[in-house]
Amino acid sequence: MNDTYESIEYRCANRIARVTLNRPAKRNALSYQLRRELIDALRAAERNDEVTVILIDGAGPSFCSGYDVTPNEDRGTPPEGWVSSAHFDSWTDQFARSCLRDWLTIWDLLKPVVVKVHGYCLAGGTEILSMADIAFVADDASIGYPAMRGQTTPDTPYFPWKMTMAQAKYLQLTGNSISGKEAAEMGWVAKSFPAKELDAAVDSEVRALASIAPDLLAANKQSVNQAYEIMGFRTALQTVWQWHALSGHMRPGAGHFAKISAEKGLKAAIEWRDAAFKSEGL
């Protein structure tokens, strides 16, 4: 166990590095600190010759509730590469750029990254899930991006690459969530399991994967990645901050969610955002 982290747990055994998002009281919401620690741990695992596979999971009742947007809270030091400047702040959207930079780390690692998802997996949590090499989820997990109903476009626009056009448009336009079982059936994730069987099933999958030579795993991962990059995967993702800036700063009422959150609290803002969908039973 590495005791230098506060928002994650990191330990290595049997050629598997386990990285656990560890803010259970906030359903592992992605603070700046958690993101910095997660990326640091992933890079440490990549350098460790005793590690073959990296597994990311979440402590408590949920994998990840998304980015931490708690109002009036000091978010601490921004992630690596953040450019704070009057020249850029109004239009470059440093937040979206930093998110994409973080999650492309998962894509670019030489070692395979597996995620195990239970409970809620929302917004930024789905970005981790979607950028991982293999995702295993509980049948009853709730997976979606509700922030797109009233805040911004996704910080990492993975939807067109993980599902059909019809599914991508439906989920990105509505912000609706689906179950883990549905996500597996549509090909968004590799497999789903009954919640009570998830831990044992993923342990078996990861132990077997860790028996393969690391250089062969790296070659197979990179060959698949290269095919997607030839099709434009990275270039498409890098359009994120333009659309994020447009949707978050230039449309009428863009700051309404933040205004309600600051004045009445985050719960009230979420209720405002989701009211129409709840009234329709969605």
Protein backbone atom coordinates (compact mmCIF):
# COMPACT_ATOMS: atom_id res chain seq x y z
CA MET A 1 0.00 0.00 0.00
CA ASN A 2 1.27 3.47 -0.94
CA ASP A 3 0.54 5.91 1.91
CA THR A 4 1.52 9.05 0.01
CA TYR A 5 -1.92 9.43 -1.60
CA GLU A 6 -4.99 10.93 0.08
CA SER A 7 -7.74 10.49 -2.52
CA ILE A 8 -6.80 7.10 -3.95
CA GLU A 9 -5.40 3.80 -2.72
CA TYR A 10 -2.57 2.21 -4.68
CA ARG A 11 -1.15 -1.26 -4.14
CA CYS A 12 0.60 -3.89 -6.22
CA ALA A 13 0.48 -7.67 -5.88
CA ASN A 14 0.64 -10.66 -8.20
CA ARG A 15 1.57 -8.46 -11.17
CA ILE A 16 -1.59 -6.36 -10.77
CA ALA A 17 -1.60 -2.69 -9.74
CA ARG A 18 -4.91 -1.78 -8.09
CA VAL A 19 -5.86 1.89 -8.05
CA THR A 20 -8.96 2.65 -5.99
CA LEU A 21 -10.75 6.00 -6.16
CA ASN A 22 -11.12 6.70 -2.46
CA ARG A 23 -13.56 9.52 -1.70
CA PRO A 24 -16.55 7.34 -0.80
CA ALA A 25 -18.37 10.10 1.10
CA LYS A 26 -18.56 11.99 -2.22
CA ARG A 27 -19.09 8.87 -4.33
CA ASN A 28 -15.52 9.33 -5.55
CA ALA A 29 -16.20 12.64 -7.26
CA LEU A 30 -13.16 13.69 -9.28
CA SER A 31 -11.43 16.51 -7.46
CA TYR A 32 -8.26 18.04 -8.85
CA GLN A 33 -6.28 16.18 -6.19
CA LEU A 34 -7.84 12.82 -7.01
CA ARG A 35 -7.13 13.32 -10.69
CA ARG A 36 -3.48 14.24 -10.05
CA GLU A 37 -3.01 11.23 -7.78
CA LEU A 38 -4.71 8.87 -10.22
CA ILE A 39 -2.49 9.92 -13.12
CA ASP A 40 0.61 9.72 -10.90
CA ALA A 41 -0.31 6.18 -9.82
CA LEU A 42 -0.97 5.07 -13.40
CA ARG A 43 2.43 6.31 -14.49
CA ALA A 44 4.09 4.65 -11.49
CA ALA A 45 2.43 1.36 -12.43
CA GLU A 46 3.64 1.69 -16.00
CA ARG A 47 7.23 2.10 -14.78
CA ASN A 48 7.03 -0.82 -12.35
CA ASP A 49 8.45 -3.98 -13.90
CA GLU A 50 6.51 -6.05 -11.36
CA VAL A 51 3.19 -4.83 -12.81
CA THR A 52 1.55 -6.27 -15.91
CA VAL A 53 -2.05 -5.03 -15.62
CA ILE A 54 -3.63 -1.97 -13.97
CA LEU A 55 -7.09 -2.19 -12.39
CA ILE A 56 -9.10 0.93 -11.45
CA ASP A 57 -12.08 0.61 -9.11
CA GLY A 58 -13.97 2.73 -6.59
CA ALA A 59 -14.41 2.59 -2.82
CA GLY A 60 -17.86 2.72 -1.25
CA PRO A 61 -21.27 2.41 -2.95
CA SER A 62 -20.28 3.83 -6.35
CA PHE A 63 -17.43 3.84 -8.84
CA CYS A 64 -17.53 7.58 -9.57
CA SER A 65 -20.22 10.29 -9.52
CA GLY A 66 -18.35 12.52 -11.99
CA TYR A 67 -16.33 15.68 -11.59
CA ASP A 68 -16.49 17.42 -8.22
CA VAL A 69 -18.60 20.53 -8.83
CA THR A 70 -19.35 21.29 -5.17
CA PRO A 71 -20.02 25.06 -5.01
CA ASN A 72 -17.88 27.45 -2.99
CA GLU A 73 -15.23 24.81 -2.36
CA ASP A 74 -11.50 25.32 -2.83
CA ARG A 75 -10.59 22.86 -5.55
CA GLY A 76 -6.88 23.16 -4.91
CA THR A 77 -4.09 23.08 -7.47
CA PRO A 78 -5.35 22.51 -11.03
CA PRO A 79 -4.17 19.43 -12.95
CA GLU A 80 -0.84 19.23 -14.75
CA GLY A 81 -0.65 21.38 -17.88
CA TRP A 82 -3.31 23.89 -16.83
CA VAL A 83 -2.55 27.31 -18.35
CA SER A 84 -4.04 30.10 -16.25
CA SER A 85 -3.73 33.30 -18.27
CA ALA A 86 -5.92 36.26 -19.15
CA HIS A 87 -5.04 35.56 -22.77
CA PHE A 88 -6.71 32.15 -22.72
CA ASP A 89 -9.16 31.88 -19.81
CA SER A 90 -12.16 33.24 -21.68
CA TRP A 91 -12.07 30.87 -24.64
CA THR A 92 -9.72 27.88 -24.40
CA ASP A 93 -11.56 26.01 -21.64
CA GLN A 94 -8.64 24.79 -19.59
CA PHE A 95 -10.89 22.40 -17.66
CA ALA A 96 -11.87 20.37 -20.73
CA ARG A 97 -8.30 20.41 -22.05
CA SER A 98 -7.03 19.09 -18.72
CA CYS A 99 -9.63 16.31 -18.61
CA LEU A 100 -8.75 15.08 -22.08
CA ARG A 101 -5.03 15.26 -21.25
CA ASP A 102 -5.60 13.13 -18.14
CA TRP A 103 -7.69 10.44 -19.81
CA LEU A 104 -5.47 10.18 -22.87
CA THR A 105 -2.83 9.06 -20.36
CA ILE A 106 -4.90 5.90 -19.92
CA TRP A 107 -5.06 5.43 -23.69
CA ASP A 108 -1.32 6.01 -24.14
CA LEU A 109 -0.04 3.77 -21.32
CA LEU A 110 1.85 0.74 -22.58
CA LYS A 111 0.11 -1.47 -20.03
CA PRO A 112 -3.57 -2.44 -20.23
CA VAL A 113 -5.95 -0.56 -17.94
CA VAL A 114 -9.05 -2.38 -16.72
CA VAL A 115 -11.93 -0.69 -14.89
CA LYS A 116 -14.42 -2.32 -12.53
CA VAL A 117 -17.64 -0.33 -12.19
CA HIS A 118 -20.43 -0.61 -9.63
CA GLY A 119 -23.13 1.79 -8.46
CA TYR A 120 -23.07 5.16 -10.17
CA CYS A 121 -20.67 5.89 -13.02
CA LEU A 122 -21.51 9.38 -14.25
CA ALA A 123 -19.98 12.15 -16.36
CA GLY A 124 -16.21 12.11 -15.69
CA GLY A 125 -16.55 8.56 -14.39
CA THR A 126 -17.79 7.46 -17.81
CA GLU A 127 -14.75 9.12 -19.37
CA ILE A 128 -12.43 6.93 -17.30
CA LEU A 129 -14.54 3.89 -18.19
CA SER A 130 -14.55 4.74 -21.89
CA MET A 131 -10.83 5.45 -22.18
CA ALA A 132 -9.84 2.25 -20.37
CA ASP A 133 -8.84 -0.75 -22.43
CA ILE A 134 -11.34 -3.14 -20.85
CA ALA A 135 -14.41 -2.27 -18.76
CA PHE A 136 -16.30 -4.72 -16.55
CA VAL A 137 -19.47 -3.48 -14.85
CA ALA A 138 -22.20 -4.63 -12.51
CA ASP A 139 -25.51 -5.41 -14.21
CA ASP A 140 -27.26 -2.81 -12.05
CA ALA A 141 -24.65 -0.05 -12.39
CA SER A 142 -26.05 3.30 -13.54
CA ILE A 143 -23.94 4.74 -16.36
CA GLY A 144 -24.54 8.08 -18.07
CA TYR A 145 -23.72 11.75 -18.56
CA PRO A 146 -26.62 13.83 -17.11
CA ALA A 147 -24.49 17.00 -17.08
CA MET A 148 -25.20 17.35 -20.80
CA ARG A 149 -28.80 18.33 -20.00
CA GLY A 150 -27.90 21.71 -18.60
CA GLN A 151 -24.18 22.29 -18.31
CA THR A 152 -21.85 21.49 -21.21
CA THR A 153 -20.87 18.99 -23.86
CA PRO A 154 -18.76 16.08 -22.55
CA ASP A 155 -15.19 16.83 -21.50
CA THR A 156 -14.01 13.78 -23.46
CA PRO A 157 -16.31 13.18 -26.48
CA TYR A 158 -16.10 9.40 -26.61
CA PHE A 159 -19.72 8.61 -27.53
CA PRO A 160 -19.33 8.16 -31.32
CA TRP A 161 -16.43 5.75 -30.76
CA LYS A 162 -18.08 3.47 -28.21
CA MET A 163 -21.49 2.77 -29.77
CA THR A 164 -23.65 3.18 -32.86
CA MET A 165 -24.59 6.63 -34.16
CA ALA A 166 -28.19 6.16 -33.02
CA GLN A 167 -27.08 5.25 -29.50
CA ALA A 168 -24.46 8.01 -29.37
CA LYS A 169 -26.93 10.69 -30.38
CA TYR A 170 -29.62 9.46 -28.00
CA LEU A 171 -27.33 9.35 -24.97
CA GLN A 172 -25.41 12.54 -25.73
CA LEU A 173 -28.50 14.60 -26.53
CA THR A 174 -30.57 13.37 -23.57
CA GLY A 175 -27.94 12.77 -20.91
CA ASN A 176 -29.87 9.66 -19.92
CA SER A 177 -28.25 6.82 -17.98
CA ILE A 178 -28.44 3.13 -18.76
CA SER A 179 -27.74 0.01 -16.71
CA GLY A 180 -24.47 -1.88 -16.79
CA LYS A 181 -26.26 -4.78 -18.45
CA GLU A 182 -27.53 -2.48 -21.20
CA ALA A 183 -24.04 -0.99 -21.64
CA ALA A 184 -22.62 -4.49 -22.20
CA GLU A 185 -25.39 -5.42 -24.64
CA MET A 186 -24.69 -2.33 -26.77
CA GLY A 187 -20.91 -2.87 -26.71
CA TRP A 188 -20.00 0.17 -24.60
CA VAL A 189 -18.27 -2.15 -22.10
CA ALA A 190 -16.75 -5.61 -22.42
CA LYS A 191 -18.90 -7.57 -19.95
CA SER A 192 -21.42 -7.13 -17.16
CA PHE A 193 -21.98 -9.39 -14.17
CA PRO A 194 -24.54 -9.64 -11.36
CA ALA A 195 -23.42 -7.22 -8.66
CA LYS A 196 -22.69 -9.99 -6.14
CA GLU A 197 -20.45 -11.75 -8.65
CA LEU A 198 -18.59 -8.69 -9.96
CA ASP A 199 -15.55 -8.78 -7.66
CA ALA A 200 -14.81 -12.48 -8.13
CA ALA A 201 -15.44 -12.36 -11.88
CA VAL A 202 -13.16 -9.37 -12.43
CA ASP A 203 -10.44 -10.86 -10.24
CA SER A 204 -10.46 -13.97 -12.44
CA GLU A 205 -10.34 -11.92 -15.64
CA VAL A 206 -7.49 -9.74 -14.42
CA ARG A 207 -5.42 -12.63 -13.03
CA ALA A 208 -5.63 -14.39 -16.39
CA LEU A 209 -4.73 -11.20 -18.27
CA ALA A 210 -1.72 -10.67 -15.99
CA SER A 211 -0.30 -14.05 -17.04
CA ILE A 212 0.41 -12.74 -20.55
CA ALA A 213 3.83 -11.26 -21.30
CA PRO A 214 3.77 -7.45 -20.80
CA ASP A 215 5.44 -6.74 -24.15
CA LEU A 216 2.84 -8.82 -25.99
CA LEU A 217 0.02 -7.03 -24.18
CA ALA A 218 1.58 -3.69 -25.10
CA ALA A 219 1.88 -4.70 -28.76
CA ASN A 220 -1.74 -5.84 -28.91
CA LYS A 221 -3.00 -2.71 -27.15
CA GLN A 222 -1.05 -0.38 -29.41
CA SER A 223 -2.10 -2.19 -32.59
CA VAL A 224 -5.78 -1.66 -31.72
CA ASN A 225 -5.13 1.94 -30.65
CA GLN A 226 -3.27 2.66 -33.88
CA ALA A 227 -6.19 1.43 -35.97
CA TYR A 228 -8.56 3.81 -34.17
CA GLU A 229 -6.11 6.69 -34.47
CA ILE A 230 -5.85 6.12 -38.22
CA MET A 231 -9.65 6.48 -38.26
CA GLY A 232 -9.33 9.83 -36.47
CA PHE A 233 -9.95 8.94 -32.81
CA ARG A 234 -7.40 11.30 -31.24
CA THR A 235 -8.13 14.14 -33.64
CA ALA A 236 -11.84 13.92 -32.91
CA LEU A 237 -11.25 13.95 -29.15
CA GLN A 238 -9.06 17.01 -29.46
CA THR A 239 -12.00 19.07 -30.70
CA VAL A 240 -13.40 18.85 -27.18
CA TRP A 241 -12.41 22.19 -25.74
CA GLN A 242 -13.84 24.22 -28.63
CA TRP A 243 -17.28 22.62 -28.24
CA HIS A 244 -17.01 22.68 -24.45
CA ALA A 245 -16.19 26.39 -24.51
CA LEU A 246 -19.02 27.16 -26.91
CA SER A 247 -21.61 25.19 -24.94
CA GLY A 248 -20.42 26.37 -21.55
CA HIS A 249 -19.72 30.05 -22.13
CA MET A 250 -21.58 31.33 -25.18
CA ARG A 251 -25.11 29.92 -25.07
CA PRO A 252 -27.84 31.81 -23.17
CA GLY A 253 -28.27 30.62 -19.60
CA ALA A 254 -25.06 28.61 -19.62
CA GLY A 255 -24.28 29.59 -16.04
CA HIS A 256 -27.73 28.80 -14.63
CA PHE A 257 -26.69 25.45 -13.15
CA ALA A 258 -23.73 27.09 -11.40
CA LYS A 259 -25.92 29.98 -10.20
CA ILE A 260 -28.49 27.66 -8.63
CA SER A 261 -25.72 25.53 -7.15
CA ALA A 262 -24.04 28.54 -5.55
CA GLU A 263 -27.28 29.98 -4.18
CA LYS A 264 -29.26 26.87 -3.21
CA GLY A 265 -26.76 24.01 -3.26
CA LEU A 266 -25.72 21.28 -5.66
CA LYS A 267 -28.78 19.11 -4.98
CA ALA A 268 -31.12 21.93 -6.04
CA ALA A 269 -29.12 22.48 -9.23
CA ILE A 270 -29.30 18.80 -10.13
CA GLU A 271 -33.05 18.78 -9.47
CA TRP A 272 -33.46 21.77 -11.81
CA ARG A 273 -31.37 20.10 -14.51
CA ASP A 274 -33.18 16.77 -14.36
CA ALA A 275 -36.74 17.95 -13.63
CA ALA A 276 -38.19 17.54 -17.13
CA PHE A 277 -36.76 14.02 -17.52
CA LYS A 278 -38.01 12.91 -14.11
CA SER A 279 -41.48 14.23 -14.87
CA GLU A 280 -41.50 12.00 -17.97
CA GLY A 281 -40.29 8.99 -16.00
CA LEU A 282 -36.89 8.97 -17.73
